[in-house]
Amino acid sequence: MRVVFLGTLAIAVTCLAAQVSSIAQTGALKNAIGMEFVKISAGEFMMGCSPDDNNCKNDEKPPHQVRITKAFEMEKYEVTQAQWKAMMMENQSAIAGDQNPVENVTRAEAMSLRTG
């Protein structure tokens, strides 16, 4: 079954940061095809909606503490279809366009991009 991965796909490419080929003047890391990464530092934060927020879904409650124990890199923007095609040699997105976010991929495909 295919699942839409938009923001989640950005997380799946964190290992591509190991393939980073240059550091832009802003300090952002970029790989060979121009994917820009930012460093996520270790630390703690509260995740979820505040108790008085009525616009939340049930899975966003209750707020809870999240701990990131090891720093990592994450792509700054959603993976575009052009980037996906450059890495995976195919594009099965339903809403075609090189600058559109990639969608209609399985978790396994997203993980193979990450380790590719």
Protein backbone atom coordinates (compact mmCIF):
# COMPACT_ATOMS: atom_id res chain seq x y z
CA MET A 1 0.00 0.00 0.00
CA ARG A 2 1.34 3.43 -0.92
CA VAL A 3 1.35 6.14 1.71
CA VAL A 4 1.78 9.85 1.18
CA PHE A 5 5.01 11.06 2.73
CA LEU A 6 5.53 14.81 2.60
CA GLY A 7 7.16 16.18 5.72
CA THR A 8 7.99 12.69 6.91
CA LEU A 9 10.07 12.06 3.83
CA ALA A 10 12.36 14.90 4.84
CA ILE A 11 13.17 12.95 7.98
CA ALA A 12 13.89 9.83 5.97
CA VAL A 13 16.75 11.52 4.17
CA THR A 14 18.74 12.40 7.27
CA CYS A 15 21.42 9.86 6.41
CA LEU A 16 22.02 11.64 3.11
CA ALA A 17 23.74 14.29 5.18
CA ALA A 18 26.65 11.87 5.42
CA GLN A 19 27.01 12.32 1.66
CA VAL A 20 27.16 16.10 1.95
CA SER A 21 29.56 17.50 -0.60
CA SER A 22 29.72 21.18 0.32
CA ILE A 23 28.91 23.74 2.98
CA ALA A 24 27.13 26.85 1.75
CA GLN A 25 28.18 30.26 3.04
CA THR A 26 25.17 30.23 5.37
CA GLY A 27 26.51 27.11 7.09
CA ALA A 28 23.79 24.92 5.58
CA LEU A 29 24.95 21.53 4.36
CA LYS A 30 24.20 20.54 0.75
CA ASN A 31 24.63 17.26 -1.07
CA ALA A 32 25.58 16.77 -4.72
CA ILE A 33 22.04 17.33 -6.04
CA GLY A 34 21.40 20.46 -3.97
CA MET A 35 19.40 19.02 -1.08
CA GLU A 36 19.93 21.41 1.85
CA PHE A 37 20.25 20.06 5.38
CA VAL A 38 20.07 21.64 8.81
CA LYS A 39 21.47 20.26 12.05
CA ILE A 40 18.98 19.19 14.71
CA SER A 41 20.75 19.40 18.06
CA ALA A 42 20.25 17.00 20.91
CA GLY A 43 17.88 18.32 23.56
CA GLU A 44 14.33 18.22 24.89
CA PHE A 45 11.07 19.89 23.93
CA MET A 46 7.33 19.60 24.54
CA MET A 47 5.38 18.01 21.69
CA GLY A 48 1.62 18.14 21.29
CA CYS A 49 -1.21 20.59 21.74
CA SER A 50 -1.82 22.63 24.84
CA PRO A 51 -4.76 21.43 26.95
CA ASP A 52 -6.94 24.45 26.09
CA ASP A 53 -6.46 24.12 22.29
CA ASN A 54 -9.71 22.82 20.78
CA ASN A 55 -8.38 22.66 17.21
CA CYS A 56 -6.22 19.59 17.83
CA LYS A 57 -6.72 16.00 16.81
CA ASN A 58 -6.82 13.32 19.50
CA ASP A 59 -3.39 11.98 18.51
CA GLU A 60 -1.87 15.42 19.25
CA LYS A 61 -2.85 15.21 22.92
CA PRO A 62 -1.66 15.16 25.61
CA PRO A 63 1.47 17.26 25.29
CA HIS A 64 4.53 15.22 26.22
CA GLN A 65 8.26 15.65 26.62
CA VAL A 66 10.44 14.47 23.73
CA ARG A 67 14.18 13.91 24.08
CA ILE A 68 16.57 13.89 21.14
CA THR A 69 19.62 12.09 22.44
CA LYS A 70 21.85 12.38 19.37
CA ALA A 71 22.18 15.32 16.97
CA PHE A 72 21.33 14.62 13.32
CA GLU A 73 20.81 16.38 10.00
CA MET A 74 17.43 16.74 8.32
CA GLU A 75 16.56 18.15 4.92
CA LYS A 76 15.44 21.76 5.23
CA TYR A 77 12.67 21.37 2.63
CA GLU A 78 10.42 18.59 1.44
CA VAL A 79 11.97 16.27 -1.13
CA THR A 80 10.98 17.46 -4.59
CA GLN A 81 10.07 15.14 -7.41
CA ALA A 82 13.19 16.25 -9.30
CA GLN A 83 15.38 15.28 -6.31
CA TRP A 84 13.54 11.96 -5.96
CA LYS A 85 14.06 11.18 -9.65
CA ALA A 86 17.76 12.08 -9.40
CA MET A 87 18.24 9.61 -6.56
CA MET A 88 15.71 6.87 -7.36
CA MET A 89 15.51 7.06 -11.21
CA GLU A 90 11.69 7.05 -11.10
CA ASN A 91 8.72 9.14 -10.00
CA GLN A 92 5.28 7.71 -9.24
CA SER A 93 3.75 10.92 -7.91
CA ALA A 94 0.12 11.54 -8.84
CA ILE A 95 0.53 15.33 -8.91
CA ALA A 96 3.44 15.63 -11.34
CA GLY A 97 5.86 18.56 -11.31
CA ASP A 98 9.60 18.70 -10.70
CA GLN A 99 9.25 21.30 -7.94
CA ASN A 100 6.27 19.59 -6.26
CA PRO A 101 6.92 17.50 -3.16
CA VAL A 102 7.27 13.81 -3.84
CA GLU A 103 4.24 11.79 -2.76
CA ASN A 104 2.74 8.38 -3.26
CA VAL A 105 5.78 6.46 -1.99
CA THR A 106 5.98 3.65 0.51
CA ARG A 107 7.92 3.79 3.74
CA ALA A 108 10.32 1.21 2.32
CA GLU A 109 11.00 3.44 -0.70
CA ALA A 110 11.59 6.44 1.58
CA MET A 111 14.01 4.40 3.68
CA SER A 112 15.90 3.28 0.57
CA LEU A 113 16.34 6.94 -0.40
CA ARG A 114 17.76 7.54 3.05
CA THR A 115 20.29 4.73 2.79
CA GLY A 116 20.79 4.99 -0.99
